[in-house]
Amino acid sequence: MNEDRSVPVSRFVVRVRYADTDQMGMAYHGNYARWFEVGRTEMLRAQGMSYREVEEAGFRMPVLELRCRYLEPARYDDELVIETGLAGRGRASLCFEYRVVRAGDGALLASGMTRHCFLDAAGRPVRPPAFFAELLERVIRQ
């Protein structure tokens, strides 16, 4: 994520559950994609719109690309802060950046990004609907 914090950031706290860990006692790597989704959906919800509302309006936002860089392991019962920011927009796409930080000591555990496109109900790429473009402007102005 942009270290200068010029990208607005939303923060959401999750706790590593026992079921999130693998045999080595570390959070399973696939959970980070789920935590990115939690950060993204909660960031949008904080701006007044849920993913459900976007879908009910006839739009989808599938993930086109996901990257994650693992730096330190998260372990059972760690409290994690999922930091999410809007990193960029295209005509029919947008990118989010993420940081997973351990709340106890502030250690950066992972960073990553997802790139999404907008699809209409028929699955065709489209520009974001006006209501979503307005939501993105609110995120940028934060």
Protein backbone atom coordinates (compact mmCIF):
# COMPACT_ATOMS: atom_id res chain seq x y z
CA MET A 1 0.00 0.00 0.00
CA ASN A 2 1.12 3.48 -0.63
CA GLU A 3 3.38 4.23 2.34
CA ASP A 4 2.82 8.01 2.20
CA ARG A 5 -0.83 7.43 3.15
CA SER A 6 -2.07 9.64 0.32
CA VAL A 7 -4.47 6.80 -0.51
CA PRO A 8 -7.47 6.97 1.85
CA VAL A 9 -7.54 3.97 4.12
CA SER A 10 -10.33 2.09 5.82
CA ARG A 11 -9.49 -0.13 8.78
CA PHE A 12 -11.36 -3.22 9.90
CA VAL A 13 -10.35 -5.57 12.72
CA VAL A 14 -10.52 -9.37 12.52
CA ARG A 15 -9.23 -12.04 14.87
CA VAL A 16 -7.43 -15.18 13.70
CA ARG A 17 -9.60 -18.13 14.66
CA TYR A 18 -8.22 -21.59 15.36
CA ALA A 19 -9.88 -22.81 12.15
CA ASP A 20 -7.87 -20.18 10.22
CA THR A 21 -4.55 -21.83 11.10
CA ASP A 22 -2.68 -24.68 9.44
CA GLN A 23 -0.67 -27.54 10.92
CA MET A 24 2.28 -25.17 11.48
CA GLY A 25 0.13 -22.94 13.69
CA MET A 26 0.14 -20.08 11.17
CA ALA A 27 -2.83 -18.50 9.43
CA TYR A 28 -3.38 -20.41 6.20
CA HIS A 29 -2.30 -18.32 3.22
CA GLY A 30 -5.73 -18.48 1.53
CA ASN A 31 -7.29 -16.58 4.42
CA TYR A 32 -5.55 -13.41 3.31
CA ALA A 33 -7.71 -13.27 0.16
CA ARG A 34 -10.77 -13.61 2.42
CA TRP A 35 -9.47 -10.87 4.73
CA PHE A 36 -8.88 -8.63 1.70
CA GLU A 37 -12.52 -9.17 0.74
CA VAL A 38 -13.65 -8.30 4.27
CA GLY A 39 -11.61 -5.09 4.14
CA ARG A 40 -13.02 -4.16 0.74
CA THR A 41 -16.65 -4.86 1.58
CA GLU A 42 -16.43 -3.07 4.93
CA MET A 43 -14.77 -0.05 3.30
CA LEU A 44 -17.71 0.20 0.88
CA ARG A 45 -20.22 -0.36 3.68
CA ALA A 46 -18.61 2.47 5.66
CA GLN A 47 -19.33 4.70 2.64
CA GLY A 48 -23.00 3.74 2.72
CA MET A 49 -23.26 0.89 0.20
CA SER A 50 -23.04 -2.86 0.54
CA TYR A 51 -21.89 -5.31 -2.13
CA ARG A 52 -25.40 -6.74 -1.98
CA GLU A 53 -26.85 -3.39 -3.04
CA VAL A 54 -24.41 -3.20 -5.97
CA GLU A 55 -25.45 -6.70 -7.08
CA GLU A 56 -29.15 -5.97 -6.60
CA ALA A 57 -28.70 -3.00 -8.95
CA GLY A 58 -27.49 -5.47 -11.60
CA PHE A 59 -23.73 -5.08 -11.39
CA ARG A 60 -20.90 -7.46 -10.50
CA MET A 61 -17.29 -6.77 -9.56
CA PRO A 62 -15.30 -9.96 -10.17
CA VAL A 63 -11.66 -10.17 -9.15
CA LEU A 64 -9.37 -10.08 -12.20
CA GLU A 65 -6.11 -10.16 -10.30
CA LEU A 66 -4.98 -10.78 -6.74
CA ARG A 67 -1.50 -10.37 -5.32
CA CYS A 68 -0.31 -10.95 -1.79
CA ARG A 69 3.14 -10.62 -0.30
CA TYR A 70 3.53 -12.51 2.98
CA LEU A 71 6.05 -10.95 5.37
CA GLU A 72 5.35 -12.48 8.80
CA PRO A 73 2.87 -15.14 9.91
CA ALA A 74 -0.37 -14.38 11.68
CA ARG A 75 -1.13 -16.88 14.43
CA TYR A 76 -4.16 -18.07 16.37
CA ASP A 77 -5.90 -15.34 18.38
CA ASP A 78 -3.89 -12.50 16.80
CA GLU A 79 -5.99 -9.41 16.30
CA LEU A 80 -5.41 -8.13 12.77
CA VAL A 81 -6.16 -4.74 11.28
CA ILE A 82 -7.07 -4.97 7.62
CA GLU A 83 -6.19 -1.64 6.00
CA THR A 84 -7.88 -1.09 2.65
CA GLY A 85 -7.46 1.73 0.17
CA LEU A 86 -8.62 2.54 -3.32
CA ALA A 87 -5.45 2.43 -5.41
CA GLY A 88 -6.70 3.26 -8.88
CA ARG A 89 -9.59 3.40 -11.32
CA GLY A 90 -9.95 2.66 -14.99
CA ARG A 91 -12.92 3.11 -17.30
CA ALA A 92 -14.46 -0.20 -16.23
CA SER A 93 -12.10 -1.33 -13.47
CA LEU A 94 -10.68 -0.43 -10.10
CA CYS A 95 -7.85 -1.57 -7.84
CA PHE A 96 -7.71 -1.87 -4.08
CA GLU A 97 -4.58 -2.11 -1.92
CA TYR A 98 -4.38 -3.90 1.42
CA ARG A 99 -2.14 -4.17 4.43
CA VAL A 100 -2.60 -6.76 7.15
CA VAL A 101 -1.15 -5.44 10.41
CA ARG A 102 -0.98 -7.23 13.76
CA ALA A 103 -2.75 -4.95 16.24
CA GLY A 104 -0.61 -5.94 19.23
CA ASP A 105 2.73 -4.74 17.91
CA GLY A 106 1.92 -3.00 14.61
CA ALA A 107 3.92 -5.53 12.59
CA LEU A 108 3.12 -5.58 8.89
CA LEU A 109 2.24 -9.20 8.14
CA ALA A 110 1.17 -8.96 4.50
CA SER A 111 0.39 -6.50 1.73
CA GLY A 112 -1.47 -6.97 -1.49
CA MET A 113 -3.87 -5.76 -4.13
CA THR A 114 -6.94 -6.82 -6.07
CA ARG A 115 -8.07 -5.57 -9.47
CA HIS A 116 -11.76 -5.77 -10.38
CA CYS A 117 -13.90 -5.02 -13.40
CA PHE A 118 -17.53 -3.98 -13.57
CA LEU A 119 -19.94 -6.28 -15.36
CA ASP A 120 -23.60 -5.80 -16.12
CA ALA A 121 -26.20 -8.51 -15.47
CA ALA A 122 -25.37 -10.14 -18.83
CA GLY A 123 -21.68 -10.34 -17.91
CA ARG A 124 -20.49 -7.57 -20.23
CA PRO A 125 -17.84 -5.06 -19.07
CA VAL A 126 -19.37 -1.67 -18.30
CA ARG A 127 -18.38 1.60 -16.69
CA PRO A 128 -19.26 1.83 -13.02
CA PRO A 129 -22.83 2.98 -12.47
CA ALA A 130 -23.29 6.61 -11.42
CA PHE A 131 -24.17 5.69 -7.83
CA PHE A 132 -20.94 3.70 -7.51
CA ALA A 133 -18.84 6.43 -9.13
CA GLU A 134 -20.23 8.83 -6.50
CA LEU A 135 -19.29 6.38 -3.75
CA LEU A 136 -15.73 6.19 -5.11
CA GLU A 137 -15.52 9.98 -5.10
CA ARG A 138 -16.46 9.96 -1.40
CA VAL A 139 -13.69 7.44 -0.73
CA ILE A 140 -11.15 9.62 -2.57
CA ARG A 141 -12.20 12.79 -0.71
CA GLN A 142 -11.74 11.19 2.74
